[in-house]
Amino acid sequence: MKRNNNSIFFLLMLLASIGFFPACDSFTDFGDTNVDPNRTNKPVTAALITNAITGMGAAFITEGLYCQYFAQSQYTDGSLYSRVEGGFGTYSGVLYDLQNVIINNTDADLKTAAIVQGSNANQIAVSRILKAYYFARLTDYFGDLPYTQALTGEVKPVYDAQQTIYNGLFKELDEAVKQFDGGVAARGDILFSGNITRWKKFANSLRLVLAIRISKADAATGATQAKAALAADGGVITANADNAMLNYPGGNFNNPWYAAYLTRQDQAISEIMVKMLNERTDPRLNSFATADKTGKITGIPYGLPREQAIQFTNANPTWSFVLAPSFRAAATPHAILTSADVTLARAEAASMGWTTENAEQLYKDGIKLSMEYWKVFSQASFDAYNANALVAFKAGDNAGNLEKIRLQRWFTFYPDGLQGWSEWRRTGVPALKPTPFAINSSKQIVRRYIYPATEATLNGVNYQAAVGKISGGDTNDGKVWWDK
């Protein structure tokens, strides 16, 4: 699961010590004979950071099918809940790279060379935030995972409880924000261009979102972490100018939704999403999907078998792609976390009594920020939207208001399927129903990803211990810790 370069090193040393290599008095006299002039023998930590940030840009289509943001036009196995096994490639890929950045900026023999890529502390802080981001993604897919022994060279790491992982993520984000110094910003930063204040806002905002996610599993810790995130140095994202946006130049590096339609035109906005937005006269619909020449947006019914999906699209050839063209062009920036997401998280925290902020005002502010982000805001449409009975806060209806906040969070995460799926699993909002054509044995919406099959053989003891703790077992029907 992880690379173990130490084992290779010690094997080579052992072979040398027993005379495996032939004796040669001039063994050290080869000079630069075998040195590739096109490669560096020093770690380019900036490149590792760039690569890690690039990996943040994903469409999360399958997860968007589970939370019914999207529907499929022909190949419909995803929305019919075919078996889904996840992968652990993140460990040997981006997480391994980020750990190398940390090692090269911590080790006494390496840190002097690494400092040319930015101060050691700043490179470490950025890497810790990115590691927290990726570990949060992984654990929200699977639940329990190798965490404390991951990336240490341990070939059979134990699986930590998801609660332990979340506590570790809170610690990482807290300490990373405090670790930034006044030195040169980390190079390779294509997310915030070295702006340390924005990195702090992102870290604190991510901490807040994660704190809300454990509201039903550990409300006390969630409340503590939410308040700490809001009070932390740098604050949280409050304006669209500070959104975490991954920019794409086009060419070889394109927006993931542009890439999704390059070879196949298989993803549509779901009829469910269109209906819900229309019921609220939500102007964001015009940005969430591609309208036909008459301005009409047609969602595909969710969870159809292939034959029925093809019949529908043949009868409705102008069915709507996900996102308006301007939001999925090759060089369109891709949202990682926005002020609307964060402001509505604050509204939920206030509604649950975790903070003394004004939940209703934050709710309205979050909707406005979302409309502005999607470029559909006008005061008239905003006022009309908030007057809609399905949207408006109702005095004395705390439970109903909390549900409206949670629904708006589901809307604002669109089209990020992983976040939408995670919020639905946590809250049950909106009240989604599984497709009647489901092909899985339970006929229910997928709740988690199955561990990679190789874990049973490569790390069997720890894998079996983890599986024994999952409610529902290592299946797509099992639940992660915070999914109550």
Protein backbone atom coordinates (compact mmCIF):
# COMPACT_ATOMS: atom_id res chain seq x y z
CA MET A 1 0.00 0.00 0.00
CA LYS A 2 2.93 2.30 0.66
CA ARG A 3 6.45 2.40 -0.68
CA ASN A 4 9.12 1.02 1.60
CA ASN A 5 12.35 2.47 0.30
CA ASN A 6 14.12 1.70 3.60
CA SER A 7 13.77 -2.04 2.93
CA ILE A 8 15.45 -1.66 -0.46
CA PHE A 9 18.23 0.43 1.04
CA PHE A 10 19.00 -2.04 3.81
CA LEU A 11 18.93 -4.96 1.34
CA LEU A 12 21.53 -3.25 -0.82
CA MET A 13 23.68 -2.52 2.22
CA LEU A 14 23.46 -6.16 3.30
CA LEU A 15 24.49 -7.41 -0.14
CA ALA A 16 27.44 -5.03 -0.15
CA SER A 17 28.56 -6.14 3.32
CA ILE A 18 28.69 -9.85 2.38
CA GLY A 19 30.68 -9.23 -0.77
CA PHE A 20 27.88 -9.57 -3.29
CA PHE A 21 29.23 -6.69 -5.33
CA PRO A 22 32.59 -7.41 -7.02
CA ALA A 23 35.61 -5.68 -5.55
CA CYS A 24 36.82 -2.67 -7.48
CA ASP A 25 39.45 -0.24 -6.28
CA SER A 26 38.15 2.41 -8.63
CA PHE A 27 34.49 1.99 -7.61
CA THR A 28 34.29 5.69 -6.67
CA ASP A 29 36.07 6.91 -9.76
CA PHE A 30 33.17 6.84 -12.22
CA GLY A 31 32.58 10.56 -11.70
CA ASP A 32 29.50 11.75 -13.63
CA THR A 33 29.40 8.78 -16.02
CA ASN A 34 25.98 7.57 -14.79
CA VAL A 35 24.48 10.94 -13.89
CA ASP A 36 21.52 11.95 -16.04
CA PRO A 37 22.05 15.65 -16.86
CA ASN A 38 18.30 16.07 -17.39
CA ARG A 39 17.36 14.99 -13.86
CA THR A 40 17.95 16.55 -10.47
CA ASN A 41 19.28 14.67 -7.46
CA LYS A 42 17.62 17.16 -5.12
CA PRO A 43 13.90 17.04 -4.28
CA VAL A 44 11.85 19.69 -6.06
CA THR A 45 9.29 20.12 -3.32
CA ALA A 46 7.50 22.87 -5.23
CA ALA A 47 6.65 20.35 -7.95
CA LEU A 48 5.26 17.94 -5.35
CA ILE A 49 3.03 20.68 -3.92
CA THR A 50 1.83 21.63 -7.39
CA ASN A 51 0.97 18.02 -8.15
CA ALA A 52 -0.94 17.68 -4.89
CA ILE A 53 -3.00 20.79 -5.59
CA THR A 54 -3.72 19.65 -9.15
CA GLY A 55 -5.26 16.49 -7.70
CA MET A 56 -7.88 18.53 -5.85
CA GLY A 57 -9.72 19.13 -9.11
CA ALA A 58 -12.21 16.31 -9.56
CA ALA A 59 -15.79 16.16 -10.83
CA PHE A 60 -16.93 13.47 -8.33
CA ILE A 61 -19.52 12.23 -10.80
CA THR A 62 -20.27 8.84 -9.21
CA GLU A 63 -20.85 10.44 -5.82
CA GLY A 64 -23.04 13.04 -7.52
CA LEU A 65 -25.16 10.18 -8.82
CA TYR A 66 -25.62 8.85 -5.29
CA CYS A 67 -26.85 12.23 -4.03
CA GLN A 68 -28.93 12.60 -7.22
CA TYR A 69 -27.35 15.79 -8.51
CA PHE A 70 -26.88 13.99 -11.84
CA ALA A 71 -28.50 11.36 -14.02
CA GLN A 72 -27.02 9.30 -16.85
CA SER A 73 -28.04 9.25 -20.47
CA GLN A 74 -26.97 5.72 -21.43
CA TYR A 75 -24.47 3.90 -19.18
CA THR A 76 -26.50 3.91 -15.99
CA ASP A 77 -24.80 1.39 -13.67
CA GLY A 78 -23.67 4.14 -11.30
CA SER A 79 -27.19 5.39 -10.61
CA LEU A 80 -28.42 1.80 -10.32
CA TYR A 81 -25.89 1.20 -7.48
CA SER A 82 -23.59 -1.36 -9.04
CA ARG A 83 -20.90 -2.61 -6.66
CA VAL A 84 -18.30 0.08 -5.94
CA GLU A 85 -14.83 -0.79 -4.65
CA GLY A 86 -12.53 2.10 -3.80
CA GLY A 87 -8.79 2.42 -4.28
CA PHE A 88 -5.90 3.35 -2.00
CA GLY A 89 -3.77 4.97 -4.69
CA THR A 90 -3.87 8.28 -2.83
CA TYR A 91 -1.50 6.82 -0.24
CA SER A 92 1.24 5.98 -2.72
CA GLY A 93 0.52 9.07 -4.80
CA VAL A 94 -0.34 12.50 -3.51
CA LEU A 95 -0.09 11.69 0.22
CA TYR A 96 3.34 10.13 -0.31
CA ASP A 97 4.45 13.29 -2.16
CA LEU A 98 3.18 15.55 0.60
CA GLN A 99 4.90 13.46 3.24
CA ASN A 100 8.12 13.82 1.26
CA VAL A 101 7.72 17.60 1.30
CA ILE A 102 7.39 17.47 5.07
CA ILE A 103 10.39 15.15 5.47
CA ASN A 104 12.58 17.26 3.21
CA ASN A 105 11.73 20.38 5.18
CA THR A 106 12.18 18.71 8.58
CA ASP A 107 15.23 16.48 8.24
CA ALA A 108 18.39 18.28 9.33
CA ASP A 109 20.34 16.99 6.32
CA LEU A 110 17.69 17.97 3.79
CA LYS A 111 16.00 21.14 4.99
CA THR A 112 18.77 23.50 3.86
CA ALA A 113 18.39 22.36 0.25
CA ALA A 114 14.59 22.44 0.45
CA ILE A 115 14.43 26.01 1.69
CA VAL A 116 15.00 27.34 -1.82
CA GLN A 117 11.37 26.32 -2.46
CA GLY A 118 10.07 28.53 0.37
CA SER A 119 10.57 28.62 4.12
CA ASN A 120 10.62 25.18 5.71
CA ALA A 121 7.71 26.08 8.00
CA ASN A 122 5.53 27.39 5.18
CA GLN A 123 6.09 24.34 3.00
CA ILE A 124 5.26 22.05 5.90
CA ALA A 125 2.12 24.03 6.80
CA VAL A 126 0.77 23.90 3.25
CA SER A 127 1.52 20.18 3.03
CA ARG A 128 -0.23 19.46 6.33
CA ILE A 129 -3.36 21.28 5.16
CA LEU A 130 -3.37 19.39 1.88
CA LYS A 131 -2.82 16.08 3.69
CA ALA A 132 -5.81 16.85 5.91
CA TYR A 133 -7.90 17.62 2.82
CA TYR A 134 -7.00 14.31 1.17
CA PHE A 135 -7.36 12.20 4.31
CA ALA A 136 -10.81 13.75 4.85
CA ARG A 137 -11.78 12.64 1.34
CA LEU A 138 -10.48 9.13 1.93
CA THR A 139 -12.12 8.58 5.29
CA ASP A 140 -15.43 9.96 4.03
CA TYR A 141 -15.33 7.29 1.33
CA PHE A 142 -14.37 4.33 3.49
CA GLY A 143 -14.66 5.14 7.21
CA ASP A 144 -11.81 3.59 9.24
CA LEU A 145 -8.42 3.79 7.50
CA PRO A 146 -4.69 3.57 8.13
CA TYR A 147 -3.80 7.00 9.48
CA THR A 148 -1.37 7.10 12.42
CA GLN A 149 0.84 4.41 10.86
CA ALA A 150 0.27 5.51 7.26
CA LEU A 151 3.22 6.97 5.32
CA THR A 152 5.67 5.72 7.97
CA GLY A 153 7.10 2.76 6.06
CA GLU A 154 4.92 0.32 7.98
CA VAL A 155 3.83 -2.23 5.37
CA LYS A 156 0.87 -3.50 7.41
CA PRO A 157 -0.53 -0.40 9.10
CA VAL A 158 -3.41 -0.57 11.53
CA TYR A 159 -6.74 0.96 10.59
CA ASP A 160 -7.62 3.89 12.83
CA ALA A 161 -11.21 4.57 13.83
CA GLN A 162 -12.74 7.37 11.80
CA GLN A 163 -13.26 9.32 15.01
CA THR A 164 -9.51 9.14 15.64
CA ILE A 165 -8.83 10.28 12.09
CA TYR A 166 -11.16 13.26 12.40
CA ASN A 167 -9.52 14.28 15.66
CA GLY A 168 -6.18 14.02 13.89
CA LEU A 169 -7.42 16.21 11.04
CA PHE A 170 -8.56 18.89 13.47
CA LYS A 171 -5.12 18.81 15.10
CA GLU A 172 -3.31 19.02 11.75
CA LEU A 173 -5.35 21.99 10.56
CA ASP A 174 -4.98 23.82 13.87
CA GLU A 175 -1.21 23.32 14.04
CA ALA A 176 -0.66 24.06 10.35
CA VAL A 177 -2.30 27.48 10.64
CA LYS A 178 -0.04 28.26 13.60
CA GLN A 179 3.05 26.97 11.80
CA PHE A 180 3.13 29.54 9.01
CA ASP A 181 5.99 31.98 9.50
CA GLY A 182 7.07 35.28 7.97
CA GLY A 183 9.42 33.61 5.53
CA VAL A 184 9.13 33.02 1.79
CA ALA A 185 5.84 31.44 0.77
CA ALA A 186 5.84 27.85 -0.47
CA ARG A 187 6.56 27.68 -4.17
CA GLY A 188 4.45 25.56 -6.47
CA ASP A 189 1.30 27.00 -4.89
CA ILE A 190 -1.17 27.15 -7.78
CA LEU A 191 -4.16 27.46 -5.43
CA PHE A 192 -3.45 30.71 -3.58
CA SER A 193 -0.23 31.92 -5.24
CA GLY A 194 1.62 32.00 -1.95
CA ASN A 195 -1.02 34.02 -0.08
CA ILE A 196 -0.63 32.71 3.46
CA THR A 197 -3.74 34.49 4.75
CA ARG A 198 -5.85 32.65 2.20
CA TRP A 199 -4.26 29.33 3.18
CA LYS A 200 -5.25 30.03 6.77
CA LYS A 201 -8.81 30.87 5.74
CA PHE A 202 -9.02 27.66 3.73
CA ALA A 203 -7.66 25.53 6.59
CA ASN A 204 -10.03 27.08 9.12
CA SER A 205 -12.98 26.76 6.73
CA LEU A 206 -12.20 23.10 6.05
CA ARG A 207 -11.99 22.57 9.82
CA LEU A 208 -15.44 24.13 10.22
CA VAL A 209 -17.00 21.96 7.50
CA LEU A 210 -15.49 18.83 9.05
CA ALA A 211 -16.71 19.88 12.49
CA ILE A 212 -20.28 20.15 11.21
CA ARG A 213 -19.95 16.74 9.57
CA ILE A 214 -19.58 14.97 12.92
CA SER A 215 -22.59 16.75 14.44
CA LYS A 216 -24.55 13.53 14.95
CA ALA A 217 -21.62 11.33 15.93
CA ASP A 218 -19.79 13.62 18.38
CA ALA A 219 -21.62 16.92 18.81
CA ALA A 220 -19.42 18.05 21.70
CA THR A 221 -16.21 17.78 19.68
CA GLY A 222 -17.92 19.24 16.64
CA ALA A 223 -19.07 22.31 18.55
CA THR A 224 -15.63 22.81 20.09
CA GLN A 225 -13.88 22.53 16.75
CA ALA A 226 -16.40 24.77 14.96
CA LYS A 227 -15.90 27.55 17.48
CA ALA A 228 -12.12 27.11 17.38
CA ALA A 229 -12.12 27.29 13.59
CA LEU A 230 -14.09 30.55 13.62
CA ALA A 231 -11.74 32.05 16.21
CA ALA A 232 -8.52 30.85 14.61
CA ASP A 233 -5.91 33.18 13.14
CA GLY A 234 -6.98 34.27 9.65
CA GLY A 235 -10.66 33.49 10.17
CA VAL A 236 -12.73 31.66 7.57
CA ILE A 237 -13.73 32.34 3.96
CA THR A 238 -16.43 35.02 3.98
CA ALA A 239 -16.24 36.49 0.46
CA ASN A 240 -16.20 35.01 -3.02
CA ALA A 241 -12.88 36.76 -3.62
CA ASP A 242 -11.35 34.32 -1.12
CA ASN A 243 -12.93 31.14 -2.52
CA ALA A 244 -10.59 28.20 -2.95
CA MET A 245 -10.60 28.01 -6.75
CA LEU A 246 -8.32 25.83 -8.85
CA ASN A 247 -7.43 27.65 -12.05
CA TYR A 248 -6.91 25.82 -15.33
CA PRO A 249 -4.94 27.20 -18.29
CA GLY A 250 -6.67 24.94 -20.82
CA GLY A 251 -4.71 22.88 -23.31
CA ASN A 252 -3.28 19.91 -21.42
CA PHE A 253 -4.83 20.99 -18.11
CA ASN A 254 -8.59 21.43 -18.31
CA ASN A 255 -11.49 21.94 -15.96
CA PRO A 256 -12.69 18.43 -14.95
CA TRP A 257 -16.22 19.09 -16.22
CA TYR A 258 -14.86 20.14 -19.59
CA ALA A 259 -12.87 16.91 -19.63
CA ALA A 260 -15.96 14.90 -18.66
CA TYR A 261 -17.64 15.75 -21.98
CA LEU A 262 -14.64 15.35 -24.27
CA THR A 263 -15.15 11.69 -25.18
CA ARG A 264 -18.69 10.96 -23.95
CA GLN A 265 -21.83 12.95 -23.35
CA ASP A 266 -23.23 10.80 -20.59
CA GLN A 267 -23.90 13.09 -17.64
CA ALA A 268 -27.00 15.24 -17.18
CA ILE A 269 -28.50 17.32 -14.45
CA SER A 270 -31.11 15.11 -12.81
CA GLU A 271 -34.80 15.72 -13.21
CA ILE A 272 -34.97 15.70 -9.40
CA MET A 273 -32.58 18.65 -9.11
CA VAL A 274 -34.41 20.58 -11.84
CA LYS A 275 -37.75 20.04 -10.11
CA MET A 276 -36.46 21.15 -6.71
CA LEU A 277 -34.90 24.31 -8.11
CA ASN A 278 -37.98 25.15 -10.17
CA GLU A 279 -40.23 24.74 -7.14
CA ARG A 280 -38.23 27.49 -5.47
CA THR A 281 -37.87 29.64 -8.61
CA ASP A 282 -34.14 29.32 -8.04
CA PRO A 283 -32.16 31.39 -10.56
CA ARG A 284 -29.11 29.17 -10.07
CA LEU A 285 -30.73 26.55 -12.30
CA ASN A 286 -29.58 28.56 -15.32
CA SER A 287 -25.97 28.06 -14.23
CA PHE A 288 -26.34 24.53 -12.89
CA ALA A 289 -27.28 23.17 -16.31
CA THR A 290 -27.15 23.84 -20.05
CA ALA A 291 -30.34 25.27 -21.52
CA ASP A 292 -31.50 24.54 -25.06
CA LYS A 293 -32.01 27.25 -27.68
CA THR A 294 -35.37 28.18 -26.19
CA GLY A 295 -33.93 28.53 -22.70
CA LYS A 296 -35.48 25.30 -21.46
CA ILE A 297 -33.58 23.01 -19.10
CA THR A 298 -34.47 19.32 -19.25
CA GLY A 299 -33.18 16.96 -16.59
CA ILE A 300 -33.01 13.23 -17.18
CA PRO A 301 -35.11 11.08 -14.83
CA TYR A 302 -32.86 9.59 -12.18
CA GLY A 303 -31.86 5.92 -12.05
CA LEU A 304 -33.28 4.63 -15.31
CA PRO A 305 -32.12 1.33 -16.82
CA ARG A 306 -30.04 1.80 -19.96
CA GLU A 307 -32.87 1.08 -22.38
CA GLN A 308 -35.23 3.57 -20.74
CA ALA A 309 -32.52 6.20 -20.49
CA ILE A 310 -31.81 5.91 -24.20
CA GLN A 311 -35.53 6.09 -24.98
CA PHE A 312 -35.80 9.28 -22.92
CA THR A 313 -32.81 11.00 -24.52
CA ASN A 314 -33.98 10.02 -28.02
CA ALA A 315 -37.34 11.63 -27.24
CA ASN A 316 -35.62 14.65 -25.60
CA PRO A 317 -32.46 15.26 -27.66
CA THR A 318 -31.85 18.65 -26.03
CA TRP A 319 -31.54 17.19 -22.52
CA SER A 320 -29.32 19.33 -20.33
CA PHE A 321 -25.65 18.80 -19.59
CA VAL A 322 -24.32 19.49 -16.11
CA LEU A 323 -23.40 23.21 -15.80
CA ALA A 324 -23.86 26.06 -18.21
CA PRO A 325 -21.10 26.16 -20.85
CA SER A 326 -19.35 29.12 -19.20
CA PHE A 327 -18.92 27.09 -16.00
CA ARG A 328 -17.37 24.07 -17.71
CA ALA A 329 -15.11 25.63 -20.32
CA ALA A 330 -11.55 24.30 -20.54
CA ALA A 331 -10.10 27.21 -18.58
CA THR A 332 -12.99 27.74 -16.14
CA PRO A 333 -11.78 27.78 -12.50
CA HIS A 334 -12.98 24.83 -10.43
CA ALA A 335 -14.39 25.43 -6.95
CA ILE A 336 -12.87 23.51 -4.04
CA LEU A 337 -14.57 25.42 -1.20
CA THR A 338 -16.61 28.64 -1.43
CA SER A 339 -17.82 31.38 0.87
CA ALA A 340 -21.40 30.15 0.39
CA ASP A 341 -20.42 26.67 1.61
CA VAL A 342 -18.71 28.14 4.66
CA THR A 343 -21.38 30.73 5.49
CA LEU A 344 -24.13 28.12 5.41
CA ALA A 345 -22.00 25.88 7.62
CA ARG A 346 -21.89 28.78 10.08
CA ALA A 347 -25.68 29.07 9.79
CA GLU A 348 -26.06 25.40 10.67
CA ALA A 349 -23.67 25.73 13.62
CA ALA A 350 -25.69 28.67 14.92
CA SER A 351 -28.98 26.85 14.37
CA MET A 352 -27.71 23.90 16.41
CA GLY A 353 -26.74 26.25 19.25
CA TRP A 354 -23.02 25.80 18.78
CA THR A 355 -22.42 29.53 18.34
CA THR A 356 -24.26 32.75 19.11
CA GLU A 357 -24.21 33.95 15.49
CA ASN A 358 -27.51 34.82 13.77
CA ALA A 359 -28.57 31.70 11.89
CA GLU A 360 -31.18 33.40 9.73
CA GLN A 361 -28.86 36.18 8.63
CA LEU A 362 -26.07 33.72 7.81
CA TYR A 363 -28.59 31.61 5.89
CA LYS A 364 -29.59 34.57 3.73
CA ASP A 365 -25.98 35.69 3.35
CA GLY A 366 -25.00 32.21 2.20
CA ILE A 367 -27.74 32.12 -0.43
CA LYS A 368 -26.71 35.56 -1.69
CA LEU A 369 -23.05 34.56 -1.89
CA SER A 370 -24.04 31.45 -3.82
CA MET A 371 -26.16 33.42 -6.30
CA GLU A 372 -23.30 35.87 -6.77
CA TYR A 373 -20.84 33.04 -7.35
CA TRP A 374 -23.13 31.54 -10.00
CA LYS A 375 -23.58 35.03 -11.54
CA VAL A 376 -27.37 35.11 -11.21
CA PHE A 377 -27.85 37.54 -8.35
CA SER A 378 -30.27 40.43 -8.56
CA GLN A 379 -31.97 42.00 -5.58
CA ALA A 380 -35.41 41.28 -7.02
CA SER A 381 -34.74 37.58 -7.64
CA PHE A 382 -33.04 37.24 -4.25
CA ASP A 383 -35.99 38.82 -2.43
CA ALA A 384 -38.49 36.68 -4.33
CA TYR A 385 -36.49 33.57 -3.58
CA ASN A 386 -36.38 34.26 0.16
CA ALA A 387 -40.11 34.92 0.15
CA ASN A 388 -40.82 31.45 -1.23
CA ALA A 389 -42.41 29.31 1.50
CA LEU A 390 -39.98 26.49 0.71
CA VAL A 391 -37.05 28.81 1.40
CA ALA A 392 -38.16 31.39 3.97
CA PHE A 393 -37.29 31.04 7.64
CA LYS A 394 -40.39 30.54 9.77
CA ALA A 395 -40.52 32.00 13.27
CA GLY A 396 -40.54 29.34 15.95
CA ASP A 397 -39.92 26.46 13.55
CA ASN A 398 -36.37 25.58 14.58
CA ALA A 399 -36.46 22.07 13.12
CA GLY A 400 -37.87 23.28 9.82
CA ASN A 401 -35.35 26.10 9.60
CA LEU A 402 -32.47 23.72 10.26
CA GLU A 403 -33.71 21.47 7.46
CA LYS A 404 -33.80 24.46 5.09
CA ILE A 405 -30.22 25.36 6.02
CA ARG A 406 -29.13 21.79 5.33
CA LEU A 407 -30.92 21.75 1.99
CA GLN A 408 -29.22 24.97 0.96
CA ARG A 409 -25.88 23.45 1.89
CA TRP A 410 -26.71 20.53 -0.42
CA PHE A 411 -27.54 23.02 -3.18
CA THR A 412 -24.38 25.09 -2.69
CA PHE A 413 -22.04 22.11 -2.83
CA TYR A 414 -23.31 21.34 -6.36
CA PRO A 415 -21.69 19.97 -8.52
CA ASP A 416 -19.22 18.56 -5.94
CA GLY A 417 -20.76 15.11 -5.63
CA LEU A 418 -18.56 13.96 -2.75
CA GLN A 419 -19.65 16.85 -0.53
CA GLY A 420 -23.29 16.55 -1.60
CA TRP A 421 -23.29 12.80 -0.96
CA SER A 422 -21.60 13.24 2.41
CA GLU A 423 -24.07 15.90 3.54
CA TRP A 424 -27.03 13.75 2.45
CA ARG A 425 -25.63 10.74 4.32
CA ARG A 426 -25.20 12.84 7.46
CA THR A 427 -28.53 14.67 7.44
CA GLY A 428 -30.94 12.77 5.21
CA VAL A 429 -31.66 16.13 3.52
CA PRO A 430 -33.12 16.15 0.96
CA ALA A 431 -35.29 13.06 1.43
CA LEU A 432 -33.90 11.11 -1.51
CA LYS A 433 -35.43 7.83 -2.56
CA PRO A 434 -33.43 5.04 -4.22
CA THR A 435 -34.20 4.24 -7.82
CA PRO A 436 -36.79 1.46 -8.15
CA PHE A 437 -34.47 -0.14 -10.71
CA ALA A 438 -31.56 -0.65 -8.27
CA ILE A 439 -29.41 -3.68 -9.08
CA ASN A 440 -27.68 -4.06 -5.69
CA SER A 441 -28.99 -6.59 -3.19
CA SER A 442 -30.28 -4.05 -0.64
CA LYS A 443 -31.89 -1.82 -3.32
CA GLN A 444 -30.67 1.16 -1.28
CA ILE A 445 -28.47 4.15 -2.15
CA VAL A 446 -24.74 3.48 -1.69
CA ARG A 447 -23.47 4.65 1.75
CA ARG A 448 -19.72 3.96 1.49
CA TYR A 449 -17.05 2.52 -0.76
CA ILE A 450 -15.78 -1.04 -0.26
CA TYR A 451 -12.11 -1.40 0.71
CA PRO A 452 -9.75 -2.48 -2.11
CA ALA A 453 -9.78 -6.26 -2.54
CA THR A 454 -6.01 -6.40 -2.14
CA GLU A 455 -6.26 -5.31 1.50
CA ALA A 456 -7.59 -8.73 2.52
CA THR A 457 -4.34 -10.35 1.39
CA LEU A 458 -1.77 -7.57 1.88
CA ASN A 459 -2.97 -6.37 5.29
CA GLY A 460 -5.40 -9.10 6.28
CA VAL A 461 -5.32 -8.92 10.09
CA ASN A 462 -5.84 -5.17 10.24
CA TYR A 463 -8.34 -5.26 7.40
CA GLN A 464 -10.46 -7.89 9.16
CA ALA A 465 -10.36 -5.91 12.40
CA ALA A 466 -11.62 -2.82 10.57
CA VAL A 467 -14.37 -4.72 8.76
CA GLY A 468 -15.59 -6.16 12.05
CA LYS A 469 -16.37 -2.66 13.30
CA ILE A 470 -18.39 -1.47 10.29
CA SER A 471 -22.14 -1.38 10.72
CA GLY A 472 -23.22 -3.41 7.71
CA GLY A 473 -19.77 -4.87 7.05
CA ASP A 474 -17.43 -4.09 4.15
CA THR A 475 -20.28 -3.42 1.76
CA ASN A 476 -21.73 -0.43 -0.03
CA ASP A 477 -24.53 -0.54 2.57
CA GLY A 478 -22.16 -0.18 5.54
CA LYS A 479 -22.02 3.18 7.26
CA VAL A 480 -19.10 5.36 8.21
CA TRP A 481 -18.89 6.60 11.81
CA TRP A 482 -20.53 9.99 11.31
CA ASP A 483 -23.37 8.60 9.16
CA LYS A 484 -26.13 8.29 11.77
